[in-house]
Amino acid sequence: MNLIEAFIDDLERDLREMGEKEIPSHQIGERVMAKLHELNDIAYVRFASVYREFKDVNDFLSELKSLLSNK
């Protein structure tokens, strides 16, 4: 199993364990970001920039600073 398949399987398992019939898209997005954060910082920031609709470089820098302070 490659890394992407493992990522998707893990995400799907987490979502199924929630036991909900429907899961709001914002919860899925947050789970994807959390898993990307564990897996790859660059992928996480790239996804976050689209998902959170960064408006300018300051939004991007703010996320990067947060990422670096948590390391």
N, C-alpha and C. Protein backbone atom coordinates (compact mmCIF):
# COMPACT_ATOMS: atom_id res chain seq x y z
N MET A 1 0.86 -1.17 0.00
CA MET A 1 0.00 0.00 0.00
C MET A 1 0.91 1.24 0.00
N ASN A 2 0.61 2.19 -0.87
CA ASN A 2 1.44 3.38 -0.91
C ASN A 2 0.97 4.40 0.13
N LEU A 3 1.72 5.46 0.26
CA LEU A 3 1.46 6.47 1.27
C LEU A 3 0.10 7.13 1.10
N ILE A 4 -0.29 7.42 -0.13
CA ILE A 4 -1.58 8.07 -0.38
C ILE A 4 -2.73 7.14 -0.01
N GLU A 5 -2.63 5.87 -0.40
CA GLU A 5 -3.68 4.91 -0.06
C GLU A 5 -3.78 4.76 1.45
N ALA A 6 -2.66 4.70 2.14
CA ALA A 6 -2.66 4.57 3.60
C ALA A 6 -3.31 5.81 4.23
N PHE A 7 -3.00 6.99 3.70
CA PHE A 7 -3.57 8.24 4.19
C PHE A 7 -5.09 8.21 4.07
N ILE A 8 -5.58 7.82 2.90
CA ILE A 8 -7.01 7.79 2.64
C ILE A 8 -7.69 6.73 3.50
N ASP A 9 -7.09 5.56 3.61
CA ASP A 9 -7.67 4.50 4.45
C ASP A 9 -7.77 4.95 5.90
N ASP A 10 -6.73 5.59 6.39
CA ASP A 10 -6.71 6.07 7.78
C ASP A 10 -7.78 7.14 7.99
N LEU A 11 -7.89 8.06 7.05
CA LEU A 11 -8.90 9.11 7.14
C LEU A 11 -10.30 8.52 7.10
N GLU A 12 -10.52 7.60 6.18
CA GLU A 12 -11.83 6.96 6.07
C GLU A 12 -12.19 6.20 7.36
N ARG A 13 -11.22 5.52 7.93
CA ARG A 13 -11.46 4.79 9.18
C ARG A 13 -11.84 5.77 10.30
N ASP A 14 -11.12 6.88 10.40
CA ASP A 14 -11.43 7.88 11.42
C ASP A 14 -12.85 8.42 11.25
N LEU A 15 -13.23 8.69 10.01
CA LEU A 15 -14.56 9.22 9.76
C LEU A 15 -15.65 8.20 10.06
N ARG A 16 -15.41 6.95 9.73
CA ARG A 16 -16.39 5.89 10.03
C ARG A 16 -16.55 5.71 11.53
N GLU A 17 -15.45 5.85 12.27
CA GLU A 17 -15.49 5.67 13.72
C GLU A 17 -16.30 6.76 14.41
N MET A 18 -16.58 7.85 13.71
CA MET A 18 -17.42 8.89 14.27
C MET A 18 -18.85 8.39 14.43
N GLY A 19 -19.21 7.38 13.63
CA GLY A 19 -20.54 6.77 13.76
C GLY A 19 -21.68 7.62 13.24
N GLU A 20 -21.39 8.60 12.43
CA GLU A 20 -22.42 9.49 11.89
C GLU A 20 -22.82 9.05 10.48
N LYS A 21 -24.10 9.25 10.14
CA LYS A 21 -24.54 8.97 8.78
C LYS A 21 -24.00 10.00 7.82
N GLU A 22 -24.00 11.25 8.25
CA GLU A 22 -23.49 12.34 7.43
C GLU A 22 -22.47 13.12 8.25
N ILE A 23 -21.41 13.52 7.59
CA ILE A 23 -20.37 14.29 8.24
C ILE A 23 -20.22 15.59 7.47
N PRO A 24 -20.35 16.72 8.15
CA PRO A 24 -20.21 18.01 7.46
C PRO A 24 -18.84 18.15 6.81
N SER A 25 -18.82 18.82 5.68
CA SER A 25 -17.57 18.97 4.93
C SER A 25 -16.49 19.68 5.73
N HIS A 26 -16.88 20.61 6.62
CA HIS A 26 -15.85 21.30 7.41
C HIS A 26 -15.14 20.33 8.37
N GLN A 27 -15.86 19.33 8.87
CA GLN A 27 -15.21 18.34 9.73
C GLN A 27 -14.25 17.47 8.92
N ILE A 28 -14.64 17.14 7.72
CA ILE A 28 -13.75 16.35 6.85
C ILE A 28 -12.50 17.16 6.54
N GLY A 29 -12.69 18.43 6.18
CA GLY A 29 -11.55 19.30 5.89
C GLY A 29 -10.59 19.42 7.06
N GLU A 30 -11.14 19.57 8.26
CA GLU A 30 -10.29 19.67 9.46
C GLU A 30 -9.53 18.37 9.70
N ARG A 31 -10.18 17.24 9.48
CA ARG A 31 -9.51 15.94 9.63
C ARG A 31 -8.40 15.77 8.60
N VAL A 32 -8.67 16.18 7.37
CA VAL A 32 -7.64 16.10 6.33
C VAL A 32 -6.45 16.95 6.74
N MET A 33 -6.71 18.17 7.21
CA MET A 33 -5.60 19.04 7.62
C MET A 33 -4.81 18.42 8.78
N ALA A 34 -5.49 17.85 9.74
CA ALA A 34 -4.79 17.24 10.88
C ALA A 34 -3.90 16.08 10.42
N LYS A 35 -4.43 15.26 9.52
CA LYS A 35 -3.64 14.13 9.03
C LYS A 35 -2.47 14.60 8.17
N LEU A 36 -2.69 15.62 7.34
CA LEU A 36 -1.59 16.16 6.55
C LEU A 36 -0.52 16.77 7.45
N HIS A 37 -0.96 17.40 8.52
CA HIS A 37 -0.01 18.00 9.47
C HIS A 37 0.92 16.94 10.06
N GLU A 38 0.37 15.76 10.32
CA GLU A 38 1.18 14.65 10.84
C GLU A 38 2.12 14.09 9.77
N LEU A 39 1.67 14.14 8.53
CA LEU A 39 2.37 13.47 7.44
C LEU A 39 3.41 14.34 6.74
N ASN A 40 3.01 15.56 6.38
CA ASN A 40 3.88 16.39 5.56
C ASN A 40 3.51 17.86 5.73
N ASP A 41 4.43 18.65 6.27
CA ASP A 41 4.15 20.05 6.55
C ASP A 41 3.82 20.85 5.30
N ILE A 42 4.53 20.59 4.21
CA ILE A 42 4.28 21.34 2.98
C ILE A 42 2.89 21.03 2.44
N ALA A 43 2.51 19.76 2.41
CA ALA A 43 1.17 19.38 1.95
C ALA A 43 0.11 20.01 2.85
N TYR A 44 0.38 20.04 4.15
CA TYR A 44 -0.55 20.65 5.10
C TYR A 44 -0.77 22.13 4.79
N VAL A 45 0.31 22.89 4.62
CA VAL A 45 0.19 24.32 4.36
C VAL A 45 -0.47 24.58 3.02
N ARG A 46 -0.15 23.79 2.03
CA ARG A 46 -0.77 23.96 0.71
C ARG A 46 -2.28 23.71 0.79
N PHE A 47 -2.68 22.65 1.48
CA PHE A 47 -4.10 22.36 1.63
C PHE A 47 -4.78 23.45 2.45
N ALA A 48 -4.15 23.84 3.55
CA ALA A 48 -4.72 24.87 4.42
C ALA A 48 -4.92 26.18 3.69
N SER A 49 -3.99 26.52 2.80
CA SER A 49 -4.10 27.79 2.08
C SER A 49 -5.35 27.83 1.20
N VAL A 50 -5.73 26.70 0.65
CA VAL A 50 -6.94 26.64 -0.17
C VAL A 50 -8.16 26.46 0.72
N TYR A 51 -8.09 25.52 1.65
CA TYR A 51 -9.23 25.19 2.49
C TYR A 51 -9.67 26.39 3.35
N ARG A 52 -8.70 27.09 3.90
CA ARG A 52 -9.01 28.25 4.74
C ARG A 52 -9.07 29.55 3.94
N GLU A 53 -8.93 29.44 2.64
CA GLU A 53 -9.05 30.57 1.74
C GLU A 53 -8.16 31.74 2.14
N PHE A 54 -6.87 31.48 2.23
CA PHE A 54 -5.92 32.55 2.55
C PHE A 54 -6.12 33.69 1.56
N LYS A 55 -6.20 34.90 2.06
CA LYS A 55 -6.45 36.06 1.23
C LYS A 55 -5.16 36.73 0.77
N ASP A 56 -4.10 36.58 1.56
CA ASP A 56 -2.84 37.24 1.19
C ASP A 56 -1.67 36.53 1.86
N VAL A 57 -0.50 37.06 1.65
CA VAL A 57 0.73 36.46 2.17
C VAL A 57 0.72 36.44 3.69
N ASN A 58 0.09 37.42 4.32
CA ASN A 58 0.05 37.47 5.78
C ASN A 58 -0.68 36.26 6.36
N ASP A 59 -1.75 35.83 5.71
CA ASP A 59 -2.45 34.63 6.16
C ASP A 59 -1.52 33.41 6.07
N PHE A 60 -0.80 33.35 4.98
CA PHE A 60 0.13 32.25 4.75
C PHE A 60 1.23 32.26 5.81
N LEU A 61 1.81 33.43 6.05
CA LEU A 61 2.87 33.56 7.05
C LEU A 61 2.37 33.23 8.46
N SER A 62 1.18 33.63 8.75
CA SER A 62 0.60 33.34 10.06
C SER A 62 0.51 31.82 10.28
N GLU A 63 0.06 31.11 9.26
CA GLU A 63 -0.03 29.65 9.35
C GLU A 63 1.34 29.02 9.50
N LEU A 64 2.31 29.53 8.75
CA LEU A 64 3.67 29.01 8.85
C LEU A 64 4.27 29.26 10.23
N LYS A 65 4.03 30.44 10.79
CA LYS A 65 4.53 30.74 12.13
C LYS A 65 3.92 29.80 13.16
N SER A 66 2.63 29.56 13.02
CA SER A 66 1.95 28.64 13.92
C SER A 66 2.54 27.24 13.80
N LEU A 67 2.77 26.82 12.59
CA LEU A 67 3.35 25.50 12.34
C LEU A 67 4.72 25.39 12.97
N LEU A 68 5.55 26.42 12.79
CA LEU A 68 6.91 26.39 13.33
C LEU A 68 6.94 26.47 14.84
N SER A 69 6.01 27.21 15.44
CA SER A 69 6.00 27.33 16.91
C SER A 69 5.55 26.03 17.58
N ASN A 70 4.82 25.19 16.84
CA ASN A 70 4.35 23.92 17.40
C ASN A 70 5.38 22.81 17.27
N LYS A 71 6.49 23.08 16.62
CA LYS A 71 7.52 22.05 16.42
C LYS A 71 8.48 22.02 17.56
